[in-house]
Amino acid sequence: MNDDHADDTLLICRALGGVPSATAARMVGLDATGGDFAATVDGAEVAVRLAWSAPLTERAQVRHEVVRMYREARARLGAPAEGEGTGR
C-alpha cells in the first residue's frame, strides 16, 4: 500500500480523514473495523483512523475497502475515480 499507492493514501486521508492540508500519508495498521494512517500536517505526524464500511473477516476484503475509500475520496473532491472500469 505505502510503496505503490502513496498518492492514493494521501488523497484518502485528505478527503476522508479530516486532514485536508496533509502533505504525506501512510498506512500504519489495520484491523477488522478500520485502517490506521499517519498523515503529515504542518511537519508533524497526525494519527488518522478510518472505519471500513463493515467489519472485515477476510484479508482479501482490505483491498476492496481501500478501493472504495479511494473512490469515495475522489467523489468528495469532485473528481471521477481514476481507472474507473479497470479494476482499481
PDB file of N, CA and C in Angstrom:
ATOM      1  N   MET A   1       0.832  -1.199   0.000  1.00  0.00           N
ATOM      2  CA  MET A   1       0.000   0.000   0.000  1.00  0.00           C
ATOM      3  C   MET A   1       0.869   1.252   0.000  1.00  0.00           C
ATOM      4  N   ASN A   2       1.788   1.350   0.928  1.00  0.00           N
ATOM      5  CA  ASN A   2       2.570   2.574   1.051  1.00  0.00           C
ATOM      6  C   ASN A   2       3.517   2.795  -0.120  1.00  0.00           C
ATOM      7  N   ASP A   3       4.156   1.744  -0.595  1.00  0.00           N
ATOM      8  CA  ASP A   3       5.109   1.898  -1.692  1.00  0.00           C
ATOM      9  C   ASP A   3       4.423   2.152  -3.022  1.00  0.00           C
ATOM     10  N   ASP A   4       3.340   1.443  -3.281  1.00  0.00           N
ATOM     11  CA  ASP A   4       2.684   1.519  -4.589  1.00  0.00           C
ATOM     12  C   ASP A   4       1.589   2.571  -4.690  1.00  0.00           C
ATOM     13  N   HIS A   5       1.040   2.998  -3.561  1.00  0.00           N
ATOM     14  CA  HIS A   5      -0.138   3.869  -3.604  1.00  0.00           C
ATOM     15  C   HIS A   5      -0.044   5.058  -2.654  1.00  0.00           C
ATOM     16  N   ALA A   6       1.123   5.655  -2.554  1.00  0.00           N
ATOM     17  CA  ALA A   6       1.319   6.779  -1.633  1.00  0.00           C
ATOM     18  C   ALA A   6       0.389   7.948  -1.948  1.00  0.00           C
ATOM     19  N   ASP A   7       0.223   8.274  -3.223  1.00  0.00           N
ATOM     20  CA  ASP A   7      -0.657   9.388  -3.596  1.00  0.00           C
ATOM     21  C   ASP A   7      -2.108   9.078  -3.265  1.00  0.00           C
ATOM     22  N   ASP A   8      -2.519   7.838  -3.464  1.00  0.00           N
ATOM     23  CA  ASP A   8      -3.892   7.439  -3.145  1.00  0.00           C
ATOM     24  C   ASP A   8      -4.142   7.512  -1.641  1.00  0.00           C
ATOM     25  N   THR A   9      -3.154   7.079  -0.858  1.00  0.00           N
ATOM     26  CA  THR A   9      -3.272   7.127   0.596  1.00  0.00           C
ATOM     27  C   THR A   9      -3.403   8.571   1.068  1.00  0.00           C
ATOM     28  N   LEU A  10      -2.624   9.453   0.498  1.00  0.00           N
ATOM     29  CA  LEU A  10      -2.710  10.864   0.848  1.00  0.00           C
ATOM     30  C   LEU A  10      -4.081  11.429   0.491  1.00  0.00           C
ATOM     31  N   LEU A  11      -4.578  11.099  -0.672  1.00  0.00           N
ATOM     32  CA  LEU A  11      -5.898  11.557  -1.104  1.00  0.00           C
ATOM     33  C   LEU A  11      -6.984  11.078  -0.131  1.00  0.00           C
ATOM     34  N   ILE A  12      -6.919   9.819   0.264  1.00  0.00           N
ATOM     35  CA  ILE A  12      -7.892   9.260   1.201  1.00  0.00           C
ATOM     36  C   ILE A  12      -7.844  10.014   2.526  1.00  0.00           C
ATOM     37  N   CYS A  13      -6.665  10.239   3.047  1.00  0.00           N
ATOM     38  CA  CYS A  13      -6.550  10.945   4.330  1.00  0.00           C
ATOM     39  C   CYS A  13      -7.013  12.392   4.227  1.00  0.00           C
ATOM     40  N   ARG A  14      -6.688  13.046   3.142  1.00  0.00           N
ATOM     41  CA  ARG A  14      -7.142  14.431   2.961  1.00  0.00           C
ATOM     42  C   ARG A  14      -8.661  14.524   2.897  1.00  0.00           C
ATOM     43  N   ALA A  15      -9.267  13.679   2.078  1.00  0.00           N
ATOM     44  CA  ALA A  15     -10.707  13.782   1.835  1.00  0.00           C
ATOM     45  C   ALA A  15     -11.565  13.143   2.917  1.00  0.00           C
ATOM     46  N   LEU A  16     -11.125  12.033   3.464  1.00  0.00           N
ATOM     47  CA  LEU A  16     -11.959  11.285   4.412  1.00  0.00           C
ATOM     48  C   LEU A  16     -11.456  11.349   5.848  1.00  0.00           C
ATOM     49  N   GLY A  17     -10.202  11.704   6.027  1.00  0.00           N
ATOM     50  CA  GLY A  17      -9.604  11.662   7.358  1.00  0.00           C
ATOM     51  C   GLY A  17      -9.567  12.969   8.111  1.00  0.00           C
ATOM     52  N   GLY A  18     -10.110  14.009   7.513  1.00  0.00           N
ATOM     53  CA  GLY A  18     -10.160  15.282   8.218  1.00  0.00           C
ATOM     54  C   GLY A  18      -8.845  16.036   8.277  1.00  0.00           C
ATOM     55  N   VAL A  19      -7.932  15.719   7.363  1.00  0.00           N
ATOM     56  CA  VAL A  19      -6.649  16.418   7.321  1.00  0.00           C
ATOM     57  C   VAL A  19      -6.392  16.941   5.901  1.00  0.00           C
ATOM     58  N   PRO A  20      -7.201  17.905   5.445  1.00  0.00           N
ATOM     59  CA  PRO A  20      -7.086  18.377   4.060  1.00  0.00           C
ATOM     60  C   PRO A  20      -5.750  19.018   3.717  1.00  0.00           C
ATOM     61  N   SER A  21      -5.000  19.444   4.711  1.00  0.00           N
ATOM     62  CA  SER A  21      -3.714  20.079   4.433  1.00  0.00           C
ATOM     63  C   SER A  21      -2.534  19.115   4.570  1.00  0.00           C
ATOM     64  N   ALA A  22      -2.811  17.831   4.707  1.00  0.00           N
ATOM     65  CA  ALA A  22      -1.736  16.840   4.816  1.00  0.00           C
ATOM     66  C   ALA A  22      -0.853  16.873   3.574  1.00  0.00           C
ATOM     67  N   THR A  23       0.436  16.683   3.782  1.00  0.00           N
ATOM     68  CA  THR A  23       1.392  16.677   2.674  1.00  0.00           C
ATOM     69  C   THR A  23       1.927  15.279   2.390  1.00  0.00           C
ATOM     70  N   ALA A  24       1.679  14.342   3.292  1.00  0.00           N
ATOM     71  CA  ALA A  24       2.089  12.953   3.112  1.00  0.00           C
ATOM     72  C   ALA A  24       1.211  12.093   4.010  1.00  0.00           C
ATOM     73  N   ALA A  25       1.101  10.821   3.650  1.00  0.00           N
ATOM     74  CA  ALA A  25       0.323   9.895   4.481  1.00  0.00           C
ATOM     75  C   ALA A  25       0.783   8.479   4.188  1.00  0.00           C
ATOM     76  N   ARG A  26       0.650   7.641   5.196  1.00  0.00           N
ATOM     77  CA  ARG A  26       0.980   6.230   5.033  1.00  0.00           C
ATOM     78  C   ARG A  26       0.074   5.401   5.927  1.00  0.00           C
ATOM     79  N   MET A  27      -0.205   4.187   5.497  1.00  0.00           N
ATOM     80  CA  MET A  27      -0.989   3.266   6.322  1.00  0.00           C
ATOM     81  C   MET A  27      -0.037   2.635   7.330  1.00  0.00           C
ATOM     82  N   VAL A  28      -0.447   2.632   8.596  1.00  0.00           N
ATOM     83  CA  VAL A  28       0.417   2.087   9.637  1.00  0.00           C
ATOM     84  C   VAL A  28      -0.169   0.858  10.325  1.00  0.00           C
ATOM     85  N   GLY A  29      -1.418   0.555  10.021  1.00  0.00           N
ATOM     86  CA  GLY A  29      -2.026  -0.623  10.625  1.00  0.00           C
ATOM     87  C   GLY A  29      -3.458  -0.785  10.175  1.00  0.00           C
ATOM     88  N   LEU A  30      -4.020  -1.919  10.537  1.00  0.00           N
ATOM     89  CA  LEU A  30      -5.424  -2.177  10.226  1.00  0.00           C
ATOM     90  C   LEU A  30      -5.914  -3.303  11.110  1.00  0.00           C
ATOM     91  N   ASP A  31      -7.218  -3.353  11.250  1.00  0.00           N
ATOM     92  CA  ASP A  31      -7.862  -4.453  11.951  1.00  0.00           C
ATOM     93  C   ASP A  31      -9.214  -4.677  11.303  1.00  0.00           C
ATOM     94  N   ALA A  32     -10.048  -5.456  11.914  1.00  0.00           N
ATOM     95  CA  ALA A  32     -11.326  -5.813  11.311  1.00  0.00           C
ATOM     96  C   ALA A  32     -12.264  -4.633  11.132  1.00  0.00           C
ATOM     97  N   THR A  33     -12.079  -3.559  11.904  1.00  0.00           N
ATOM     98  CA  THR A  33     -13.026  -2.449  11.844  1.00  0.00           C
ATOM     99  C   THR A  33     -12.520  -1.209  11.116  1.00  0.00           C
ATOM    100  N   GLY A  34     -11.223  -1.130  10.821  1.00  0.00           N
ATOM    101  CA  GLY A  34     -10.740   0.054  10.121  1.00  0.00           C
ATOM    102  C   GLY A  34      -9.245   0.056   9.882  1.00  0.00           C
ATOM    103  N   GLY A  35      -8.800   1.118   9.218  1.00  0.00           N
ATOM    104  CA  GLY A  35      -7.393   1.298   8.916  1.00  0.00           C
ATOM    105  C   GLY A  35      -6.821   2.473   9.673  1.00  0.00           C
ATOM    106  N   ASP A  36      -5.566   2.335  10.073  1.00  0.00           N
ATOM    107  CA  ASP A  36      -4.851   3.402  10.775  1.00  0.00           C
ATOM    108  C   ASP A  36      -3.809   3.995   9.843  1.00  0.00           C
ATOM    109  N   PHE A  37      -3.779   5.315   9.796  1.00  0.00           N
ATOM    110  CA  PHE A  37      -2.865   6.042   8.929  1.00  0.00           C
ATOM    111  C   PHE A  37      -2.087   7.060   9.752  1.00  0.00           C
ATOM    112  N   ALA A  38      -0.935   7.441   9.257  1.00  0.00           N
ATOM    113  CA  ALA A  38      -0.163   8.544   9.814  1.00  0.00           C
ATOM    114  C   ALA A  38      -0.061   9.578   8.711  1.00  0.00           C
ATOM    115  N   ALA A  39      -0.593  10.768   8.964  1.00  0.00           N
ATOM    116  CA  ALA A  39      -0.562  11.853   7.990  1.00  0.00           C
ATOM    117  C   ALA A  39       0.360  12.952   8.498  1.00  0.00           C
ATOM    118  N   THR A  40       1.079  13.570   7.585  1.00  0.00           N
ATOM    119  CA  THR A  40       1.947  14.688   7.951  1.00  0.00           C
ATOM    120  C   THR A  40       1.200  15.985   7.704  1.00  0.00           C
ATOM    121  N   VAL A  41       1.014  16.751   8.779  1.00  0.00           N
ATOM    122  CA  VAL A  41       0.317  18.037   8.724  1.00  0.00           C
ATOM    123  C   VAL A  41       1.206  19.071   9.402  1.00  0.00           C
ATOM    124  N   ASP A  42       1.577  20.110   8.676  1.00  0.00           N
ATOM    125  CA  ASP A  42       2.460  21.158   9.201  1.00  0.00           C
ATOM    126  C   ASP A  42       3.730  20.577   9.804  1.00  0.00           C
ATOM    127  N   GLY A  43       4.275  19.567   9.148  1.00  0.00           N
ATOM    128  CA  GLY A  43       5.535  18.977   9.570  1.00  0.00           C
ATOM    129  C   GLY A  43       5.439  17.967  10.704  1.00  0.00           C
ATOM    130  N   ALA A  44       4.252  17.751  11.243  1.00  0.00           N
ATOM    131  CA  ALA A  44       4.074  16.801  12.340  1.00  0.00           C
ATOM    132  C   ALA A  44       3.183  15.647  11.896  1.00  0.00           C
ATOM    133  N   GLU A  45       3.457  14.476  12.447  1.00  0.00           N
ATOM    134  CA  GLU A  45       2.641  13.321  12.111  1.00  0.00           C
ATOM    135  C   GLU A  45       1.388  13.297  12.982  1.00  0.00           C
ATOM    136  N   VAL A  46       0.250  13.043  12.321  1.00  0.00           N
ATOM    137  CA  VAL A  46      -1.056  13.016  12.976  1.00  0.00           C
ATOM    138  C   VAL A  46      -1.696  11.653  12.712  1.00  0.00           C
ATOM    139  N   ALA A  47      -2.267  11.052  13.745  1.00  0.00           N
ATOM    140  CA  ALA A  47      -2.944   9.767  13.581  1.00  0.00           C
ATOM    141  C   ALA A  47      -4.315   9.982  12.943  1.00  0.00           C
ATOM    142  N   VAL A  48      -4.637   9.126  11.985  1.00  0.00           N
ATOM    143  CA  VAL A  48      -5.934   9.162  11.307  1.00  0.00           C
ATOM    144  C   VAL A  48      -6.493   7.738  11.332  1.00  0.00           C
ATOM    145  N   ARG A  49      -7.703   7.597  11.811  1.00  0.00           N
ATOM    146  CA  ARG A  49      -8.380   6.290  11.841  1.00  0.00           C
ATOM    147  C   ARG A  49      -9.597   6.367  10.934  1.00  0.00           C
ATOM    148  N   LEU A  50      -9.701   5.440   9.987  1.00  0.00           N
ATOM    149  CA  LEU A  50     -10.838   5.390   9.079  1.00  0.00           C
ATOM    150  C   LEU A  50     -11.509   4.021   9.182  1.00  0.00           C
ATOM    151  N   ALA A  51     -12.813   4.032   9.394  1.00  0.00           N
ATOM    152  CA  ALA A  51     -13.563   2.797   9.539  1.00  0.00           C
ATOM    153  C   ALA A  51     -13.886   2.190   8.185  1.00  0.00           C
ATOM    154  N   TRP A  52     -13.869   0.856   8.122  1.00  0.00           N
ATOM    155  CA  TRP A  52     -14.341   0.159   6.936  1.00  0.00           C
ATOM    156  C   TRP A  52     -15.861   0.307   6.876  1.00  0.00           C
ATOM    157  N   SER A  53     -16.446  -0.002   5.750  1.00  0.00           N
ATOM    158  CA  SER A  53     -17.900   0.096   5.603  1.00  0.00           C
ATOM    159  C   SER A  53     -18.624  -0.969   6.428  1.00  0.00           C
ATOM    160  N   ALA A  54     -17.929  -2.044   6.745  1.00  0.00           N
ATOM    161  CA  ALA A  54     -18.444  -3.131   7.589  1.00  0.00           C
ATOM    162  C   ALA A  54     -17.227  -3.881   8.126  1.00  0.00           C
ATOM    163  N   PRO A  55     -17.366  -4.568   9.239  1.00  0.00           N
ATOM    164  CA  PRO A  55     -16.231  -5.343   9.755  1.00  0.00           C
ATOM    165  C   PRO A  55     -15.732  -6.365   8.725  1.00  0.00           C
ATOM    166  N   LEU A  56     -14.419  -6.488   8.624  1.00  0.00           N
ATOM    167  CA  LEU A  56     -13.812  -7.409   7.666  1.00  0.00           C
ATOM    168  C   LEU A  56     -13.531  -8.750   8.333  1.00  0.00           C
ATOM    169  N   THR A  57     -13.735  -9.802   7.576  1.00  0.00           N
ATOM    170  CA  THR A  57     -13.476 -11.144   8.095  1.00  0.00           C
ATOM    171  C   THR A  57     -12.417 -11.882   7.293  1.00  0.00           C
ATOM    172  N   GLU A  58     -12.048 -11.336   6.131  1.00  0.00           N
ATOM    173  CA  GLU A  58     -11.047 -11.970   5.275  1.00  0.00           C
ATOM    174  C   GLU A  58     -10.069 -10.920   4.758  1.00  0.00           C
ATOM    175  N   ARG A  59      -8.819 -11.320   4.620  1.00  0.00           N
ATOM    176  CA  ARG A  59      -7.770 -10.407   4.170  1.00  0.00           C
ATOM    177  C   ARG A  59      -8.086  -9.764   2.822  1.00  0.00           C
ATOM    178  N   ALA A  60      -8.672 -10.517   1.912  1.00  0.00           N
ATOM    179  CA  ALA A  60      -8.981 -10.009   0.568  1.00  0.00           C
ATOM    180  C   ALA A  60      -9.938  -8.816   0.606  1.00  0.00           C
ATOM    181  N   GLN A  61     -10.697  -8.672   1.663  1.00  0.00           N
ATOM    182  CA  GLN A  61     -11.645  -7.563   1.776  1.00  0.00           C
ATOM    183  C   GLN A  61     -10.944  -6.221   1.972  1.00  0.00           C
ATOM    184  N   VAL A  62      -9.717  -6.242   2.458  1.00  0.00           N
ATOM    185  CA  VAL A  62      -8.989  -4.993   2.698  1.00  0.00           C
ATOM    186  C   VAL A  62      -8.835  -4.212   1.397  1.00  0.00           C
ATOM    187  N   ARG A  63      -8.408  -4.864   0.352  1.00  0.00           N
ATOM    188  CA  ARG A  63      -8.222  -4.183  -0.938  1.00  0.00           C
ATOM    189  C   ARG A  63      -9.528  -3.550  -1.408  1.00  0.00           C
ATOM    190  N   HIS A  64     -10.613  -4.294  -1.292  1.00  0.00           N
ATOM    191  CA  HIS A  64     -11.920  -3.770  -1.699  1.00  0.00           C
ATOM    192  C   HIS A  64     -12.254  -2.498  -0.918  1.00  0.00           C
ATOM    193  N   GLU A  65     -12.004  -2.502   0.361  1.00  0.00           N
ATOM    194  CA  GLU A  65     -12.324  -1.336   1.189  1.00  0.00           C
ATOM    195  C   GLU A  65     -11.430  -0.140   0.868  1.00  0.00           C
ATOM    196  N   VAL A  66     -10.157  -0.386   0.611  1.00  0.00           N
ATOM    197  CA  VAL A  66      -9.255   0.713   0.261  1.00  0.00           C
ATOM    198  C   VAL A  66      -9.667   1.318  -1.080  1.00  0.00           C
ATOM    199  N   VAL A  67     -10.030   0.486  -2.038  1.00  0.00           N
ATOM    200  CA  VAL A  67     -10.511   0.997  -3.331  1.00  0.00           C
ATOM    201  C   VAL A  67     -11.793   1.791  -3.136  1.00  0.00           C
ATOM    202  N   ARG A  68     -12.690   1.304  -2.289  1.00  0.00           N
ATOM    203  CA  ARG A  68     -13.929   2.034  -2.000  1.00  0.00           C
ATOM    204  C   ARG A  68     -13.620   3.404  -1.411  1.00  0.00           C
ATOM    205  N   MET A  69     -12.696   3.440  -0.446  1.00  0.00           N
ATOM    206  CA  MET A  69     -12.331   4.720   0.170  1.00  0.00           C
ATOM    207  C   MET A  69     -11.695   5.668  -0.853  1.00  0.00           C
ATOM    208  N   TYR A  70     -10.854   5.125  -1.734  1.00  0.00           N
ATOM    209  CA  TYR A  70     -10.233   5.938  -2.772  1.00  0.00           C
ATOM    210  C   TYR A  70     -11.296   6.570  -3.668  1.00  0.00           C
ATOM    211  N   ARG A  71     -12.243   5.771  -4.099  1.00  0.00           N
ATOM    212  CA  ARG A  71     -13.304   6.287  -4.971  1.00  0.00           C
ATOM    213  C   ARG A  71     -14.176   7.297  -4.239  1.00  0.00           C
ATOM    214  N   GLU A  72     -14.472   7.041  -2.977  1.00  0.00           N
ATOM    215  CA  GLU A  72     -15.248   7.993  -2.183  1.00  0.00           C
ATOM    216  C   GLU A  72     -14.480   9.303  -2.011  1.00  0.00           C
ATOM    217  N   ALA A  73     -13.188   9.209  -1.784  1.00  0.00           N
ATOM    218  CA  ALA A  73     -12.356  10.412  -1.639  1.00  0.00           C
ATOM    219  C   ALA A  73     -12.367  11.225  -2.931  1.00  0.00           C
ATOM    220  N   ARG A  74     -12.198  10.564  -4.076  1.00  0.00           N
ATOM    221  CA  ARG A  74     -12.230  11.266  -5.368  1.00  0.00           C
ATOM    222  C   ARG A  74     -13.579  11.950  -5.570  1.00  0.00           C
ATOM    223  N   ALA A  75     -14.664  11.251  -5.228  1.00  0.00           N
ATOM    224  CA  ALA A  75     -16.002  11.823  -5.396  1.00  0.00           C
ATOM    225  C   ALA A  75     -16.193  13.040  -4.494  1.00  0.00           C
ATOM    226  N   ARG A  76     -15.717  12.969  -3.273  1.00  0.00           N
ATOM    227  CA  ARG A  76     -15.845  14.113  -2.351  1.00  0.00           C
ATOM    228  C   ARG A  76     -15.094  15.330  -2.854  1.00  0.00           C
ATOM    229  N   LEU A  77     -14.009  15.071  -3.569  1.00  0.00           N
ATOM    230  CA  LEU A  77     -13.211  16.170  -4.110  1.00  0.00           C
ATOM    231  C   LEU A  77     -13.707  16.611  -5.485  1.00  0.00           C
ATOM    232  N   GLY A  78     -14.783  15.963  -5.956  1.00  0.00           N
ATOM    233  CA  GLY A  78     -15.391  16.365  -7.222  1.00  0.00           C
ATOM    234  C   GLY A  78     -14.656  15.856  -8.437  1.00  0.00           C
ATOM    235  N   ALA A  79     -13.892  14.789  -8.290  1.00  0.00           N
ATOM    236  CA  ALA A  79     -13.161  14.222  -9.425  1.00  0.00           C
ATOM    237  C   ALA A  79     -13.601  12.782  -9.633  1.00  0.00           C
ATOM    238  N   PRO A  80     -13.802  12.362 -10.872  1.00  0.00           N
ATOM    239  CA  PRO A  80     -14.168  10.960 -11.105  1.00  0.00           C
ATOM    240  C   PRO A  80     -13.002  10.055 -10.701  1.00  0.00           C
ATOM    241  N   ALA A  81     -13.304   8.846 -10.316  1.00  0.00           N
ATOM    242  CA  ALA A  81     -12.272   7.892  -9.911  1.00  0.00           C
ATOM    243  C   ALA A  81     -11.398   7.556 -11.099  1.00  0.00           C
ATOM    244  N   GLU A  82     -10.080   7.661 -10.912  1.00  0.00           N
ATOM    245  CA  GLU A  82      -9.147   7.254 -11.957  1.00  0.00           C
ATOM    246  C   GLU A  82      -9.236   5.761 -12.134  1.00  0.00           C
ATOM    247  N   GLY A  83      -9.027   5.299 -13.356  1.00  0.00           N
ATOM    248  CA  GLY A  83      -9.031   3.871 -13.615  1.00  0.00           C
ATOM    249  C   GLY A  83     -10.405   3.254 -13.535  1.00  0.00           C
ATOM    250  N   GLU A  84     -11.447   4.064 -13.567  1.00  0.00           N
ATOM    251  CA  GLU A  84     -12.801   3.529 -13.495  1.00  0.00           C
ATOM    252  C   GLU A  84     -12.983   2.459 -14.551  1.00  0.00           C
ATOM    253  N   GLY A  85     -13.411   1.291 -14.145  1.00  0.00           N
ATOM    254  CA  GLY A  85     -13.602   0.195 -15.061  1.00  0.00           C
ATOM    255  C   GLY A  85     -12.360  -0.636 -15.303  1.00  0.00           C
ATOM    256  N   THR A  86     -11.233  -0.299 -14.650  1.00  0.00           N
ATOM    257  CA  THR A  86     -10.009  -1.059 -14.854  1.00  0.00           C
ATOM    258  C   THR A  86      -9.682  -1.941 -13.653  1.00  0.00           C
ATOM    259  N   GLY A  87     -10.592  -1.999 -12.686  1.00  0.00           N
ATOM    260  CA  GLY A  87     -10.352  -2.860 -11.546  1.00  0.00           C
ATOM    261  C   GLY A  87      -9.656  -2.176 -10.400  1.00  0.00           C
ATOM    262  N   ARG A  88      -9.334  -0.926 -10.541  1.00  0.00           N
ATOM    263  CA  ARG A  88      -8.646  -0.205  -9.478  1.00  0.00           C
ATOM    264  C   ARG A  88      -9.606   0.161  -8.400  1.00  0.00           C
TER     265      ARG A  88
END
